[in-house]
Amino acid sequence: MIPRFIRRLAIVLLASTVALATTAAHAARDISIGLQAAITSMDPHYHNLSPNNSMMLHVFEGLIKRDENQKLVPGLATSWKAIDDLTWEFKLRKNVRFHDGSPLTADDVAFTLKRVPNVPNSPSSFATFTKPIVDVKIVDPHTLVFKTATPHVLLPSDLASVMIVSKLHGEKATTEDYNAGKACIGTGPYKYVEFIPNQRVVLKANYGYWGGEEPWDKLTFKILTNAAARVAALLSGDVQMIENVPTSDIAKMEKDKNLSVVSKVSNRVIYVHLNQSTEKSPPFVFDKSGKPMDKNPFRDVRVRKALSMAVNRDAIVDRVMEKKAVPAAQLLPDIFYGTSKKLKPTRFDPEGARKLLAEAGYPNGFSMTLHGPAGRYINDDKVIQALAQFYSRIGIDTKVETFPASVYFNRATNLEFGYMLLGWGTESGEQASAMRSLLATRDPAKGMGVNNRGRYTNPAFDKLLEQALVTMDDKKREGLIQQAAEMVMGEVGLIPLHYEVSTWAAAKGFKYTARTDQYTVATSLKPSK
């Protein structure tokens, strides 16, 4: 007979073993992910910024989704079709509920479309995506008909960028209410738990989600802007995955059997906007003596071409990006719709750049400060330092100043800089949408040029682009988009530098599906088999 104290000890040990096993199983479903860039808001309509948009996909959903290659697939809408050139019908998915249990209906969609262009103080509005819609008709709780003023073939793609919010919780809500979680109630696979700016976002599983249960119970997104800290967190087990693996560490990490590393050419172009908004020199652009100039040099196409020719893109790709980038000639790699194979990256030609500056009236160059974000894009601080060196070789005196993204983008939007390093990921996967936002003459009422921080303007380009946007025939439309791209790149409406190659690393036991949109989403992270 087994003594009583031994039986009690066995029971205690068994209970402890079960508890430990339960804790381990629970921990395996709690995932931490290291992010490079801060999330500036949990309001899905406040700031059209990739880190924000990526985060929103966990909590909210659009009528249409994009897969890892940016192909449009059904989301909250099961189907959509053009009834005629000006009319679109969308059918909503039935039995979808918000996180509070209330049903999704057409009223929520109509409310969302009304809210998008009216979010106060938005540093980068989503209004571009809703402006083409001039009328919304609710046919029944699960059917809507949208009217556009002109044919708008990009409407399904546009609406994939608009997250649907609850009318019940959003009607009187402010951006602060979303940030605090009060209004942050969507239909997505995860629910809001906590948002601490510049530190973390915590989400929990939305059990009963219409799209099926996710493998993770709890998600903690940690903001780790320092690249070395991000890698250290992964290697120590503090996080199970990181985005934007430092280019200097990729080769070593790819050889580590305890890690899974994936890369993909992205839709993000790193580019430069030149402030052409003023007749006289823009902010931080001076003559050699440090005085403002009577003419804005950036309004002269010869100066813009010179600044593009002075950049050695191959050197940036090879040395700064360590081959994890591709030299850029336009706003998307030429595998995407609407891009032109005629466009090639500008050839590095410092002597030619000097001659163009002299022709434009600047034989001795001028001086300027190059502004950019700190830690928003891959190696952005090194890229901007390289640009400064290139320009010094053609007689332009340069300084470099960077800011945290949350400060930088607001100031750039307010045209407080002359030379701005920026990045743009084209969610639609076609070039017309990018040109509409970045290069069309600014007209917020029409949703054109809303992110044209350079204030480039060309009526001939606008006309060609607008014609493309109302052409329903795919082949004809693509030809018009290509012509528009060739025109605006020929005029250097902005200076494209390179396309980023995105890299993620996960711990052993996890597998991530790389995305062209660079988004880091837990729905693409699965247990490896």
Protein backbone atom coordinates (compact mmCIF):
# COMPACT_ATOMS: atom_id res chain seq x y z
CA MET A 1 0.00 0.00 0.00
CA ILE A 2 1.36 3.43 -0.99
CA PRO A 3 1.82 5.76 2.02
CA ARG A 4 -0.64 8.66 2.18
CA PHE A 5 2.06 11.39 2.02
CA ILE A 6 3.46 9.87 -1.20
CA ARG A 7 -0.01 9.82 -2.78
CA ARG A 8 -0.47 13.47 -1.78
CA LEU A 9 2.93 14.35 -3.22
CA ALA A 10 2.04 12.57 -6.48
CA ILE A 11 -1.22 14.50 -6.72
CA VAL A 12 0.60 17.81 -6.14
CA LEU A 13 3.22 16.95 -8.78
CA LEU A 14 0.54 15.90 -11.25
CA ALA A 15 -1.39 19.11 -10.67
CA SER A 16 1.80 21.14 -11.14
CA THR A 17 2.60 19.28 -14.36
CA VAL A 18 -0.89 19.93 -15.73
CA ALA A 19 -0.66 23.60 -14.75
CA LEU A 20 2.71 23.96 -16.43
CA ALA A 21 1.46 22.21 -19.55
CA THR A 22 -1.63 24.45 -19.62
CA THR A 23 0.54 27.55 -19.15
CA ALA A 24 2.91 26.43 -21.92
CA ALA A 25 -0.01 25.73 -24.27
CA HIS A 26 -1.50 29.12 -23.48
CA ALA A 27 1.85 30.84 -23.96
CA ALA A 28 2.19 29.16 -27.33
CA ARG A 29 -0.99 30.95 -28.40
CA ASP A 30 0.21 34.33 -27.09
CA ILE A 31 2.36 35.96 -29.74
CA SER A 32 4.61 39.03 -29.57
CA ILE A 33 5.75 40.78 -32.75
CA GLY A 34 8.43 43.45 -33.04
CA LEU A 35 7.55 46.41 -35.27
CA GLN A 36 9.94 48.96 -36.69
CA ALA A 37 7.57 51.92 -36.93
CA ALA A 38 5.19 53.38 -34.38
CA ILE A 39 1.43 53.22 -34.77
CA THR A 40 0.22 56.81 -34.70
CA SER A 41 -3.48 56.10 -34.19
CA MET A 42 -6.08 53.36 -33.82
CA ASP A 43 -8.58 55.45 -35.77
CA PRO A 44 -8.72 53.64 -39.14
CA HIS A 45 -9.53 56.87 -41.01
CA TYR A 46 -7.11 59.29 -39.36
CA HIS A 47 -3.71 58.71 -40.97
CA ASN A 48 -3.13 56.85 -44.23
CA LEU A 49 0.18 55.38 -43.12
CA SER A 50 1.32 51.82 -43.78
CA PRO A 51 2.05 50.86 -40.13
CA ASN A 52 -1.41 52.10 -39.15
CA ASN A 53 -3.11 50.40 -42.09
CA SER A 54 -1.35 47.14 -41.31
CA MET A 55 -2.52 47.27 -37.69
CA MET A 56 -6.08 48.16 -38.65
CA LEU A 57 -6.42 44.91 -40.63
CA HIS A 58 -6.51 43.02 -37.34
CA VAL A 59 -9.41 44.98 -35.86
CA PHE A 60 -11.33 46.29 -38.85
CA GLU A 61 -12.15 45.08 -42.36
CA GLY A 62 -12.93 46.58 -45.73
CA LEU A 63 -15.65 45.61 -48.15
CA ILE A 64 -12.87 44.03 -50.20
CA LYS A 65 -9.57 42.55 -49.03
CA ARG A 66 -6.18 42.14 -50.66
CA ASP A 67 -4.18 38.95 -50.46
CA GLU A 68 -0.39 38.76 -50.04
CA ASN A 69 0.08 39.70 -53.72
CA GLN A 70 -2.51 42.51 -53.56
CA LYS A 71 -5.12 40.59 -55.50
CA LEU A 72 -8.65 41.72 -54.62
CA VAL A 73 -10.71 39.09 -52.78
CA PRO A 74 -14.10 39.25 -51.00
CA GLY A 75 -14.15 40.84 -47.57
CA LEU A 76 -17.25 42.20 -45.89
CA ALA A 77 -18.73 42.25 -49.38
CA THR A 78 -19.30 38.87 -50.99
CA SER A 79 -19.66 40.37 -54.46
CA TRP A 80 -19.47 43.63 -56.38
CA LYS A 81 -20.26 44.58 -59.96
CA ALA A 82 -20.55 47.58 -62.24
CA ILE A 83 -24.18 47.90 -63.32
CA ASP A 84 -23.18 50.65 -65.74
CA ASP A 85 -20.26 53.09 -66.08
CA LEU A 86 -21.49 55.16 -63.12
CA THR A 87 -23.16 52.59 -60.91
CA TRP A 88 -21.75 49.85 -58.67
CA GLU A 89 -23.64 47.30 -56.61
CA PHE A 90 -22.13 45.70 -53.49
CA LYS A 91 -23.60 42.75 -51.62
CA LEU A 92 -22.67 42.47 -47.95
CA ARG A 93 -21.79 39.27 -46.18
CA LYS A 94 -24.58 38.14 -43.86
CA ASN A 95 -24.20 37.13 -40.21
CA VAL A 96 -21.16 39.38 -39.64
CA ARG A 97 -21.03 40.98 -36.21
CA PHE A 98 -18.99 43.73 -34.65
CA HIS A 99 -16.94 42.95 -31.57
CA ASP A 100 -19.80 44.09 -29.31
CA GLY A 101 -22.17 41.61 -30.96
CA SER A 102 -24.13 44.12 -33.04
CA PRO A 103 -24.74 43.10 -36.68
CA LEU A 104 -23.01 44.68 -39.65
CA THR A 105 -25.50 46.36 -41.98
CA ALA A 106 -25.49 48.71 -44.95
CA ASP A 107 -26.02 51.62 -42.51
CA ASP A 108 -22.52 51.06 -41.11
CA VAL A 109 -21.02 51.19 -44.61
CA ALA A 110 -22.90 54.37 -45.50
CA PHE A 111 -21.82 55.97 -42.21
CA THR A 112 -18.20 55.00 -42.83
CA LEU A 113 -18.12 56.59 -46.29
CA LYS A 114 -19.56 59.79 -44.84
CA ARG A 115 -17.02 59.85 -41.99
CA VAL A 116 -13.84 59.24 -44.01
CA PRO A 117 -13.39 62.74 -45.56
CA ASN A 118 -14.40 64.52 -42.35
CA VAL A 119 -11.86 63.29 -39.78
CA PRO A 120 -10.39 66.41 -38.13
CA ASN A 121 -6.66 67.13 -38.41
CA SER A 122 -5.90 64.08 -40.55
CA PRO A 123 -2.25 64.33 -41.64
CA SER A 124 -2.88 62.03 -44.62
CA SER A 125 -6.53 61.58 -45.49
CA PHE A 126 -8.35 58.54 -46.88
CA ALA A 127 -10.67 60.92 -48.75
CA THR A 128 -8.99 60.02 -52.05
CA PHE A 129 -10.70 56.65 -51.88
CA THR A 130 -14.21 57.94 -51.24
CA LYS A 131 -14.36 61.18 -53.27
CA PRO A 132 -15.44 59.46 -56.52
CA ILE A 133 -18.67 58.34 -54.82
CA VAL A 134 -21.35 61.02 -55.12
CA ASP A 135 -24.34 59.03 -53.89
CA VAL A 136 -24.93 56.01 -51.66
CA LYS A 137 -28.23 54.15 -51.84
CA ILE A 138 -29.16 51.49 -49.30
CA VAL A 139 -31.28 48.94 -51.13
CA ASP A 140 -31.66 46.60 -48.15
CA PRO A 141 -29.61 45.80 -45.02
CA HIS A 142 -27.08 43.87 -47.12
CA THR A 143 -27.12 45.68 -50.48
CA LEU A 144 -25.72 49.08 -51.42
CA VAL A 145 -25.54 50.94 -54.73
CA PHE A 146 -22.81 53.55 -55.25
CA LYS A 147 -23.00 56.29 -57.86
CA THR A 148 -19.89 58.01 -59.22
CA ALA A 149 -19.83 61.33 -61.07
CA THR A 150 -17.66 59.86 -63.81
CA PRO A 151 -16.66 56.29 -64.69
CA HIS A 152 -14.30 55.08 -61.97
CA VAL A 153 -12.86 51.66 -62.59
CA LEU A 154 -10.68 51.84 -59.45
CA LEU A 155 -13.64 51.93 -57.08
CA PRO A 156 -13.27 48.31 -55.83
CA SER A 157 -9.56 48.86 -55.24
CA ASP A 158 -10.24 52.18 -53.52
CA LEU A 159 -12.77 50.65 -51.18
CA ALA A 160 -10.32 47.92 -50.20
CA SER A 161 -8.40 50.72 -48.45
CA VAL A 162 -11.39 51.89 -46.40
CA MET A 163 -12.04 50.10 -43.11
CA ILE A 164 -15.71 49.81 -42.13
CA VAL A 165 -16.58 51.11 -38.67
CA SER A 166 -19.65 50.79 -36.47
CA LYS A 167 -22.19 53.58 -36.82
CA LEU A 168 -23.40 52.86 -33.28
CA HIS A 169 -19.99 53.49 -31.74
CA GLY A 170 -18.52 55.87 -34.29
CA GLU A 171 -21.26 58.42 -34.88
CA LYS A 172 -20.12 60.77 -32.13
CA ALA A 173 -16.63 59.36 -31.67
CA THR A 174 -13.39 61.30 -31.99
CA THR A 175 -10.01 59.95 -32.99
CA GLU A 176 -9.16 59.99 -29.28
CA ASP A 177 -12.11 57.67 -28.64
CA TYR A 178 -10.64 55.16 -31.10
CA ASN A 179 -7.20 55.48 -29.54
CA ALA A 180 -8.66 54.83 -26.09
CA GLY A 181 -10.59 51.79 -27.32
CA LYS A 182 -14.03 53.27 -26.69
CA ALA A 183 -14.90 53.36 -30.40
CA CYS A 184 -12.30 50.88 -31.65
CA ILE A 185 -14.87 48.17 -32.35
CA GLY A 186 -14.62 46.44 -35.70
CA THR A 187 -15.52 43.13 -37.32
CA GLY A 188 -11.96 41.82 -37.66
CA PRO A 189 -10.33 38.70 -36.20
CA TYR A 190 -8.91 40.56 -33.17
CA LYS A 191 -10.26 42.97 -30.57
CA TYR A 192 -8.70 46.07 -29.04
CA VAL A 193 -7.12 45.63 -25.59
CA GLU A 194 -4.52 48.38 -25.24
CA PHE A 195 -2.78 51.10 -27.24
CA ILE A 196 0.20 52.87 -25.72
CA PRO A 197 1.74 55.22 -28.32
CA ASN A 198 5.37 54.47 -29.19
CA GLN A 199 5.32 51.38 -26.98
CA ARG A 200 2.79 48.68 -27.83
CA VAL A 201 -0.58 47.59 -29.15
CA VAL A 202 -2.29 44.61 -27.50
CA LEU A 203 -5.15 42.69 -29.12
CA LYS A 204 -7.12 39.57 -28.22
CA ALA A 205 -8.83 36.99 -30.39
CA ASN A 206 -12.34 37.64 -31.65
CA TYR A 207 -13.81 34.20 -31.00
CA GLY A 208 -16.66 33.48 -33.38
CA TYR A 209 -15.06 35.59 -36.13
CA TRP A 210 -16.90 34.97 -39.41
CA GLY A 211 -13.65 34.18 -41.23
CA GLY A 212 -12.69 31.33 -38.89
CA GLU A 213 -10.70 31.14 -35.68
CA GLU A 214 -7.13 32.38 -35.75
CA PRO A 215 -4.34 30.31 -34.10
CA TRP A 216 -3.46 33.08 -31.63
CA ASP A 217 -5.32 34.12 -28.47
CA LYS A 218 -3.40 37.30 -27.75
CA LEU A 219 -1.20 39.56 -29.85
CA THR A 220 1.30 42.04 -28.47
CA PHE A 221 2.90 44.35 -31.01
CA LYS A 222 6.01 45.95 -29.53
CA ILE A 223 7.41 49.12 -31.07
CA LEU A 224 11.13 48.47 -31.45
CA THR A 225 12.46 51.24 -33.67
CA ASN A 226 16.08 50.32 -32.96
CA ALA A 227 17.13 47.58 -35.39
CA ALA A 228 19.60 45.92 -33.02
CA ALA A 229 16.99 45.85 -30.25
CA ARG A 230 14.51 44.24 -32.63
CA VAL A 231 16.94 41.45 -33.52
CA ALA A 232 17.93 40.96 -29.88
CA ALA A 233 14.26 40.63 -28.90
CA LEU A 234 13.78 37.86 -31.46
CA LEU A 235 16.94 35.98 -30.50
CA SER A 236 16.10 36.17 -26.80
CA GLY A 237 12.54 34.94 -27.32
CA ASP A 238 10.98 38.22 -26.18
CA VAL A 239 9.15 38.32 -29.53
CA GLN A 240 8.36 35.53 -31.96
CA MET A 241 8.68 37.60 -35.14
CA ILE A 242 10.14 40.88 -36.32
CA GLU A 243 9.65 42.98 -39.42
CA ASN A 244 12.30 44.91 -41.33
CA VAL A 245 15.27 42.71 -40.48
CA PRO A 246 18.38 44.92 -40.68
CA THR A 247 20.01 44.42 -44.06
CA SER A 248 23.36 43.79 -42.36
CA ASP A 249 21.92 40.81 -40.45
CA ILE A 250 19.90 39.08 -43.16
CA ALA A 251 22.60 36.76 -44.54
CA LYS A 252 23.59 35.57 -41.05
CA MET A 253 20.01 35.04 -39.94
CA GLU A 254 19.15 33.10 -43.10
CA LYS A 255 21.77 30.53 -42.05
CA ASP A 256 20.37 30.15 -38.53
CA LYS A 257 18.36 26.91 -38.29
CA ASN A 258 16.39 28.34 -35.39
CA LEU A 259 14.97 31.11 -37.54
CA SER A 260 12.70 31.39 -40.56
CA VAL A 261 13.55 34.34 -42.84
CA VAL A 262 11.42 35.45 -45.80
CA SER A 263 11.87 38.35 -48.27
CA LYS A 264 9.82 39.89 -51.06
CA VAL A 265 10.10 42.86 -53.44
CA SER A 266 7.58 45.36 -52.21
CA ASN A 267 5.25 47.93 -53.71
CA ARG A 268 7.03 50.69 -51.78
CA VAL A 269 9.04 53.26 -53.63
CA ILE A 270 11.40 55.53 -51.72
CA TYR A 271 11.33 58.91 -53.41
CA VAL A 272 11.95 62.64 -53.00
CA HIS A 273 9.38 65.40 -53.17
CA LEU A 274 10.72 68.86 -54.05
CA ASN A 275 8.63 71.73 -52.69
CA GLN A 276 7.45 73.73 -55.72
CA SER A 277 4.65 75.56 -53.89
CA THR A 278 6.32 78.99 -53.76
CA GLU A 279 7.71 81.30 -56.43
CA LYS A 280 10.69 82.13 -54.24
CA SER A 281 12.93 79.53 -52.64
CA PRO A 282 11.06 77.10 -50.37
CA PRO A 283 11.99 76.49 -46.70
CA PHE A 284 15.60 75.45 -46.04
CA VAL A 285 16.75 76.22 -49.59
CA PHE A 286 19.19 79.15 -49.96
CA ASP A 287 21.91 80.54 -52.14
CA LYS A 288 25.54 79.83 -51.26
CA SER A 289 25.64 82.76 -48.83
CA GLY A 290 22.66 81.41 -46.91
CA LYS A 291 20.10 83.92 -48.22
CA PRO A 292 16.68 83.06 -49.70
CA MET A 293 16.55 83.16 -53.50
CA ASP A 294 14.15 85.13 -55.68
CA LYS A 295 13.32 82.02 -57.71
CA ASN A 296 12.37 78.55 -56.54
CA PRO A 297 15.01 76.32 -58.17
CA PHE A 298 12.75 73.26 -57.89
CA ARG A 299 10.28 74.78 -60.36
CA ASP A 300 12.92 74.42 -63.08
CA VAL A 301 12.81 70.97 -64.68
CA ARG A 302 16.56 71.20 -65.35
CA VAL A 303 17.25 71.46 -61.63
CA ARG A 304 14.95 68.54 -60.89
CA LYS A 305 16.68 66.44 -63.55
CA ALA A 306 20.08 67.44 -62.18
CA LEU A 307 19.11 66.34 -58.67
CA SER A 308 17.96 63.01 -60.05
CA MET A 309 21.06 62.50 -62.21
CA ALA A 310 23.31 63.24 -59.22
CA VAL A 311 22.01 60.17 -57.35
CA ASN A 312 23.92 56.91 -57.76
CA ARG A 313 21.02 54.48 -57.30
CA ASP A 314 23.19 51.42 -57.86
CA ALA A 315 25.47 52.51 -55.03
CA ILE A 316 22.50 53.01 -52.71
CA VAL A 317 21.20 49.52 -53.53
CA ASP A 318 24.58 47.80 -53.24
CA ARG A 319 26.15 49.62 -50.31
CA VAL A 320 23.40 51.28 -48.29
CA MET A 321 20.64 48.70 -48.82
CA GLU A 322 23.07 45.75 -49.09
CA LYS A 323 21.29 44.53 -52.22
CA LYS A 324 17.88 44.43 -50.51
CA ALA A 325 16.37 47.01 -52.85
CA VAL A 326 15.85 47.64 -56.58
CA PRO A 327 16.67 50.93 -58.40
CA ALA A 328 13.46 52.79 -59.24
CA ALA A 329 12.33 54.51 -62.42
CA GLN A 330 8.67 55.11 -61.56
CA LEU A 331 6.25 54.57 -58.68
CA LEU A 332 6.06 50.77 -58.91
CA PRO A 333 8.29 47.97 -60.20
CA ASP A 334 7.42 47.26 -63.84
CA ILE A 335 5.70 43.96 -63.00
CA PHE A 336 2.68 45.96 -61.78
CA TYR A 337 -0.29 47.18 -63.82
CA GLY A 338 0.11 50.57 -65.50
CA THR A 339 3.89 50.70 -65.31
CA SER A 340 5.98 51.44 -68.40
CA LYS A 341 8.88 49.25 -69.46
CA LYS A 342 10.21 52.27 -71.38
CA LEU A 343 11.10 53.94 -68.11
CA LYS A 344 14.54 53.09 -66.74
CA PRO A 345 16.28 54.36 -63.59
CA THR A 346 17.99 57.70 -64.21
CA ARG A 347 21.65 57.16 -65.11
CA PHE A 348 24.18 58.44 -62.59
CA ASP A 349 25.83 61.40 -64.29
CA PRO A 350 27.29 64.05 -61.93
CA GLU A 351 28.95 65.98 -64.77
CA GLY A 352 25.68 66.11 -66.68
CA ALA A 353 23.99 67.28 -63.48
CA ARG A 354 26.50 70.12 -63.12
CA LYS A 355 25.85 71.24 -66.70
CA LEU A 356 22.08 71.29 -66.15
CA LEU A 357 22.49 73.35 -62.97
CA ALA A 358 24.64 75.83 -64.89
CA GLU A 359 22.05 76.05 -67.68
CA ALA A 360 19.38 76.73 -65.08
CA GLY A 361 21.40 79.62 -63.65
CA TYR A 362 23.14 77.85 -60.76
CA PRO A 363 26.71 77.27 -61.98
CA ASN A 364 27.97 77.24 -58.39
CA GLY A 365 25.00 75.34 -57.04
CA PHE A 366 23.05 76.44 -53.96
CA SER A 367 22.49 75.14 -50.42
CA MET A 368 19.68 73.12 -48.91
CA THR A 369 18.71 70.92 -45.98
CA LEU A 370 17.57 67.39 -46.75
CA HIS A 371 14.71 66.36 -44.47
CA GLY A 372 13.44 62.88 -43.78
CA PRO A 373 11.97 60.55 -41.16
CA ALA A 374 14.13 58.70 -38.65
CA GLY A 375 13.56 54.96 -38.69
CA ARG A 376 10.40 54.91 -40.78
CA TYR A 377 11.88 53.25 -43.88
CA ILE A 378 14.62 50.68 -44.29
CA ASN A 379 17.98 52.42 -43.70
CA ASP A 380 16.34 55.80 -44.28
CA ASP A 381 18.97 57.64 -42.22
CA LYS A 382 21.78 56.11 -44.30
CA VAL A 383 19.96 56.81 -47.57
CA ILE A 384 19.57 60.50 -46.81
CA GLN A 385 23.22 60.80 -45.75
CA ALA A 386 24.24 59.19 -49.07
CA LEU A 387 22.07 61.70 -50.95
CA ALA A 388 23.82 64.56 -49.18
CA GLN A 389 27.19 63.22 -50.33
CA PHE A 390 26.01 62.88 -53.92
CA TYR A 391 24.78 66.48 -54.00
CA SER A 392 27.94 67.89 -52.47
CA ARG A 393 29.80 66.47 -55.48
CA ILE A 394 27.81 68.66 -57.88
CA GLY A 395 28.34 71.86 -55.90
CA ILE A 396 25.26 71.83 -53.66
CA ASP A 397 25.96 72.49 -49.99
CA THR A 398 23.81 70.13 -47.93
CA LYS A 399 22.74 69.54 -44.38
CA VAL A 400 20.64 66.63 -43.11
CA GLU A 401 17.89 66.78 -40.52
CA THR A 402 15.57 63.92 -39.55
CA PHE A 403 12.61 63.67 -37.20
CA PRO A 404 10.46 60.93 -35.68
CA ALA A 405 7.78 59.93 -38.19
CA SER A 406 4.96 61.30 -36.04
CA VAL A 407 6.55 64.76 -36.21
CA TYR A 408 8.01 64.59 -39.70
CA PHE A 409 4.91 63.72 -41.72
CA ASN A 410 2.82 66.49 -40.19
CA ARG A 411 5.49 69.06 -40.92
CA ALA A 412 5.99 67.75 -44.45
CA THR A 413 2.24 67.93 -45.07
CA ASN A 414 2.33 71.55 -43.89
CA LEU A 415 5.07 72.26 -46.49
CA GLU A 416 7.62 73.20 -43.84
CA PHE A 417 10.47 71.61 -45.81
CA GLY A 418 11.99 72.09 -49.25
CA TYR A 419 13.55 68.68 -49.91
CA MET A 420 11.64 65.70 -48.48
CA LEU A 421 12.60 62.02 -48.42
CA LEU A 422 9.42 59.93 -48.41
CA GLY A 423 8.05 56.49 -49.20
CA TRP A 424 4.82 55.30 -50.78
CA GLY A 425 3.33 51.83 -50.87
CA THR A 426 0.71 51.51 -53.59
CA GLU A 427 -1.96 49.35 -52.02
CA SER A 428 -3.98 49.10 -55.21
CA GLY A 429 -1.06 47.46 -57.03
CA GLU A 430 -1.44 49.74 -60.06
CA GLN A 431 0.25 53.00 -60.94
CA ALA A 432 -2.72 55.31 -61.59
CA SER A 433 -3.68 55.32 -57.93
CA ALA A 434 -0.17 56.31 -56.86
CA MET A 435 0.05 59.10 -59.44
CA ARG A 436 -3.38 60.35 -58.44
CA SER A 437 -2.21 60.76 -54.83
CA LEU A 438 1.39 61.90 -55.30
CA LEU A 439 1.57 63.80 -58.60
CA ALA A 440 -1.85 65.06 -59.68
CA THR A 441 -2.46 68.76 -59.13
CA ARG A 442 -3.70 69.08 -55.57
CA ASP A 443 -7.49 69.27 -55.44
CA PRO A 444 -8.85 67.74 -52.21
CA ALA A 445 -12.44 68.30 -53.37
CA LYS A 446 -11.81 65.84 -56.21
CA GLY A 447 -9.54 63.58 -54.16
CA MET A 448 -6.59 64.43 -56.41
CA GLY A 449 -3.04 65.12 -55.26
CA VAL A 450 -3.90 64.75 -51.57
CA ASN A 451 -0.34 63.55 -50.83
CA ASN A 452 1.37 65.76 -53.40
CA ARG A 453 3.70 67.40 -50.90
CA GLY A 454 5.85 68.73 -53.72
CA ARG A 455 2.90 70.58 -55.28
CA TYR A 456 4.04 69.54 -58.76
CA THR A 457 1.42 70.55 -61.32
CA ASN A 458 1.01 69.86 -65.04
CA PRO A 459 -2.44 70.28 -66.67
CA ALA A 460 -1.50 67.99 -69.58
CA PHE A 461 -0.56 65.21 -67.14
CA ASP A 462 -3.73 65.77 -65.10
CA LYS A 463 -5.88 65.48 -68.22
CA LEU A 464 -4.22 62.25 -69.31
CA LEU A 465 -4.47 60.73 -65.85
CA GLU A 466 -8.11 61.72 -65.42
CA GLN A 467 -8.87 60.20 -68.82
CA ALA A 468 -7.26 56.95 -67.68
CA LEU A 469 -9.28 56.93 -64.47
CA VAL A 470 -12.58 57.01 -66.38
CA THR A 471 -11.62 54.49 -69.07
CA MET A 472 -13.32 51.18 -68.35
CA ASP A 473 -11.46 49.15 -70.98
CA ASP A 474 -8.45 47.57 -69.23
CA LYS A 475 -6.07 47.65 -72.19
CA LYS A 476 -6.85 51.23 -73.19
CA ARG A 477 -6.66 52.37 -69.58
CA GLU A 478 -3.26 50.79 -69.06
CA GLY A 479 -1.93 52.50 -72.18
CA LEU A 480 -3.11 55.88 -70.88
CA ILE A 481 -1.57 55.25 -67.46
CA GLN A 482 1.74 54.35 -69.08
CA GLN A 483 1.69 57.53 -71.17
CA ALA A 484 0.96 59.59 -68.06
CA ALA A 485 3.81 57.90 -66.20
CA GLU A 486 6.26 58.56 -69.03
CA MET A 487 5.22 62.21 -69.11
CA VAL A 488 5.46 62.89 -65.39
CA MET A 489 8.70 60.94 -64.89
CA GLY A 490 10.19 62.77 -67.86
CA GLU A 491 9.45 66.02 -66.04
CA VAL A 492 10.74 64.62 -62.73
CA GLY A 493 7.51 65.39 -60.91
CA LEU A 494 9.28 63.60 -58.06
CA ILE A 495 12.58 61.71 -57.81
CA PRO A 496 12.15 57.92 -57.49
CA LEU A 497 15.12 56.27 -55.75
CA HIS A 498 14.50 52.56 -55.08
CA TYR A 499 11.91 49.92 -54.27
CA GLU A 500 12.33 48.27 -50.90
CA VAL A 501 12.73 44.53 -50.49
CA SER A 502 10.95 43.56 -47.28
CA THR A 503 12.31 40.91 -44.92
CA TRP A 504 10.71 39.24 -41.90
CA ALA A 505 12.27 36.79 -39.45
CA ALA A 506 10.37 34.42 -37.17
CA ALA A 507 11.41 31.97 -34.48
CA LYS A 508 11.51 28.25 -35.14
CA GLY A 509 7.99 26.84 -35.21
CA PHE A 510 6.49 29.84 -37.00
CA LYS A 511 6.05 30.60 -40.69
CA TYR A 512 5.22 33.99 -42.20
CA THR A 513 3.78 34.56 -45.68
CA ALA A 514 5.60 37.59 -47.13
CA ARG A 515 3.46 40.37 -48.60
CA THR A 516 4.15 42.87 -51.39
CA ASP A 517 2.39 45.59 -49.37
CA GLN A 518 4.98 45.17 -46.56
CA TYR A 519 2.24 44.69 -44.01
CA THR A 520 3.02 42.73 -40.87
CA VAL A 521 -0.22 40.97 -40.00
CA ALA A 522 -0.73 38.12 -37.59
CA THR A 523 -3.19 36.50 -39.98
CA SER A 524 -0.20 35.72 -42.22
CA LEU A 525 1.74 34.14 -39.35
CA LYS A 526 1.00 30.46 -38.78
CA PRO A 527 2.53 27.59 -36.82
CA SER A 528 4.94 25.75 -39.10
CA LYS A 529 4.12 22.10 -39.71
